[in-house]
């Protein structure tokens, strides 16, 4: 049975997470020619202050980008 783990930054609503999990499951089933019922998908939400890109966490990165965008207007 295929098993996929998807890690995303926390904050999306349940409907979006479910739609994404369905798309992932369908892609796996199609690629592996496996029954969709056998595909398992787990979605792990990571808080923005615990997900780092380089030396910045996502929370800091979003704040910096918002400041930069605001400065350009």
C-alpha atoms as a PDB file:
ATOM      1  CA  UNK A   1       0.000   0.000   0.000  1.00  0.00           C
ATOM      2  CA  UNK A   2       1.519   3.352  -1.052  1.00  0.00           C
ATOM      3  CA  UNK A   3       1.980   5.883   1.755  1.00  0.00           C
ATOM      4  CA  UNK A   4       2.705   9.595   1.255  1.00  0.00           C
ATOM      5  CA  UNK A   5       3.514  12.246   3.830  1.00  0.00           C
ATOM      6  CA  UNK A   6       2.980  15.885   2.885  1.00  0.00           C
ATOM      7  CA  UNK A   7       4.335  18.612   5.145  1.00  0.00           C
ATOM      8  CA  UNK A   8       2.855  22.080   4.807  1.00  0.00           C
ATOM      9  CA  UNK A   9       2.986  25.308   6.769  1.00  0.00           C
ATOM     10  CA  UNK A  10       0.002  25.432   9.120  1.00  0.00           C
ATOM     11  CA  UNK A  11      -2.935  27.658   8.334  1.00  0.00           C
ATOM     12  CA  UNK A  12      -4.894  26.205   5.430  1.00  0.00           C
ATOM     13  CA  UNK A  13      -8.494  25.212   6.029  1.00  0.00           C
ATOM     14  CA  UNK A  14      -9.679  21.603   6.180  1.00  0.00           C
ATOM     15  CA  UNK A  15     -11.309  21.795   2.737  1.00  0.00           C
ATOM     16  CA  UNK A  16      -8.019  22.775   1.066  1.00  0.00           C
ATOM     17  CA  UNK A  17      -6.076  20.087   2.932  1.00  0.00           C
ATOM     18  CA  UNK A  18      -8.631  17.451   1.909  1.00  0.00           C
ATOM     19  CA  UNK A  19      -8.564  18.558  -1.762  1.00  0.00           C
ATOM     20  CA  UNK A  20      -4.761  18.416  -1.776  1.00  0.00           C
ATOM     21  CA  UNK A  21      -4.739  14.964  -0.166  1.00  0.00           C
ATOM     22  CA  UNK A  22      -7.208  13.708  -2.782  1.00  0.00           C
ATOM     23  CA  UNK A  23      -5.044  15.076  -5.623  1.00  0.00           C
ATOM     24  CA  UNK A  24      -1.961  13.414  -4.131  1.00  0.00           C
ATOM     25  CA  UNK A  25      -3.766  10.097  -3.669  1.00  0.00           C
ATOM     26  CA  UNK A  26      -5.098  10.165  -7.227  1.00  0.00           C
ATOM     27  CA  UNK A  27      -1.655  10.954  -8.654  1.00  0.00           C
ATOM     28  CA  UNK A  28      -0.071   8.089  -6.741  1.00  0.00           C
ATOM     29  CA  UNK A  29      -2.828   5.659  -7.727  1.00  0.00           C
ATOM     30  CA  UNK A  30      -2.475   6.646 -11.379  1.00  0.00           C
ATOM     31  CA  UNK A  31       1.332   6.516 -11.427  1.00  0.00           C
ATOM     32  CA  UNK A  32       1.535   3.160  -9.658  1.00  0.00           C
ATOM     33  CA  UNK A  33      -1.605   1.692 -11.195  1.00  0.00           C
ATOM     34  CA  UNK A  34      -2.798   0.997  -7.663  1.00  0.00           C
ATOM     35  CA  UNK A  35      -6.362   1.108  -6.370  1.00  0.00           C
ATOM     36  CA  UNK A  36      -7.101   4.509  -4.817  1.00  0.00           C
ATOM     37  CA  UNK A  37      -8.421   2.686  -1.734  1.00  0.00           C
ATOM     38  CA  UNK A  38      -4.921   1.386  -1.051  1.00  0.00           C
ATOM     39  CA  UNK A  39      -3.258   4.830  -1.031  1.00  0.00           C
ATOM     40  CA  UNK A  40      -2.590   6.494   2.317  1.00  0.00           C
ATOM     41  CA  UNK A  41      -1.854  10.226   2.640  1.00  0.00           C
ATOM     42  CA  UNK A  42      -0.913  11.974   5.844  1.00  0.00           C
ATOM     43  CA  UNK A  43      -0.782  15.763   6.046  1.00  0.00           C
ATOM     44  CA  UNK A  44       1.474  17.245   8.688  1.00  0.00           C
ATOM     45  CA  UNK A  45       1.061  20.919   9.463  1.00  0.00           C
ATOM     46  CA  UNK A  46       4.146  22.688  10.745  1.00  0.00           C
ATOM     47  CA  UNK A  47       3.765  26.019  12.569  1.00  0.00           C
ATOM     48  CA  UNK A  48       5.282  28.925  10.616  1.00  0.00           C
ATOM     49  CA  UNK A  49       7.690  29.714  13.455  1.00  0.00           C
ATOM     50  CA  UNK A  50       9.094  26.162  13.319  1.00  0.00           C
ATOM     51  CA  UNK A  51       9.717  25.922   9.539  1.00  0.00           C
ATOM     52  CA  UNK A  52      13.004  27.461   8.452  1.00  0.00           C
ATOM     53  CA  UNK A  53      14.317  28.535   5.080  1.00  0.00           C
ATOM     54  CA  UNK A  54      17.967  29.312   5.555  1.00  0.00           C
ATOM     55  CA  UNK A  55      18.210  31.318   8.776  1.00  0.00           C
ATOM     56  CA  UNK A  56      14.644  32.689   8.729  1.00  0.00           C
ATOM     57  CA  UNK A  57      11.504  30.961   9.820  1.00  0.00           C
ATOM     58  CA  UNK A  58       8.446  31.312   7.601  1.00  0.00           C
ATOM     59  CA  UNK A  59       6.832  33.775   9.994  1.00  0.00           C
ATOM     60  CA  UNK A  60       9.878  36.081   9.802  1.00  0.00           C
ATOM     61  CA  UNK A  61      10.150  35.625   6.036  1.00  0.00           C
ATOM     62  CA  UNK A  62       6.514  36.613   5.493  1.00  0.00           C
ATOM     63  CA  UNK A  63       6.933  39.682   7.697  1.00  0.00           C
ATOM     64  CA  UNK A  64      10.091  40.734   5.838  1.00  0.00           C
ATOM     65  CA  UNK A  65       8.432  40.293   2.452  1.00  0.00           C
ATOM     66  CA  UNK A  66       5.406  42.290   3.604  1.00  0.00           C
ATOM     67  CA  UNK A  67       7.710  45.132   4.718  1.00  0.00           C
ATOM     68  CA  UNK A  68       9.610  45.014   1.415  1.00  0.00           C
ATOM     69  CA  UNK A  69       6.392  45.027  -0.601  1.00  0.00           C
ATOM     70  CA  UNK A  70       5.036  47.907   1.461  1.00  0.00           C
ATOM     71  CA  UNK A  71       8.246  49.899   0.920  1.00  0.00           C
ATOM     72  CA  UNK A  72       7.988  49.529  -2.871  1.00  0.00           C
ATOM     73  CA  UNK A  73       4.459  50.963  -3.120  1.00  0.00           C
END
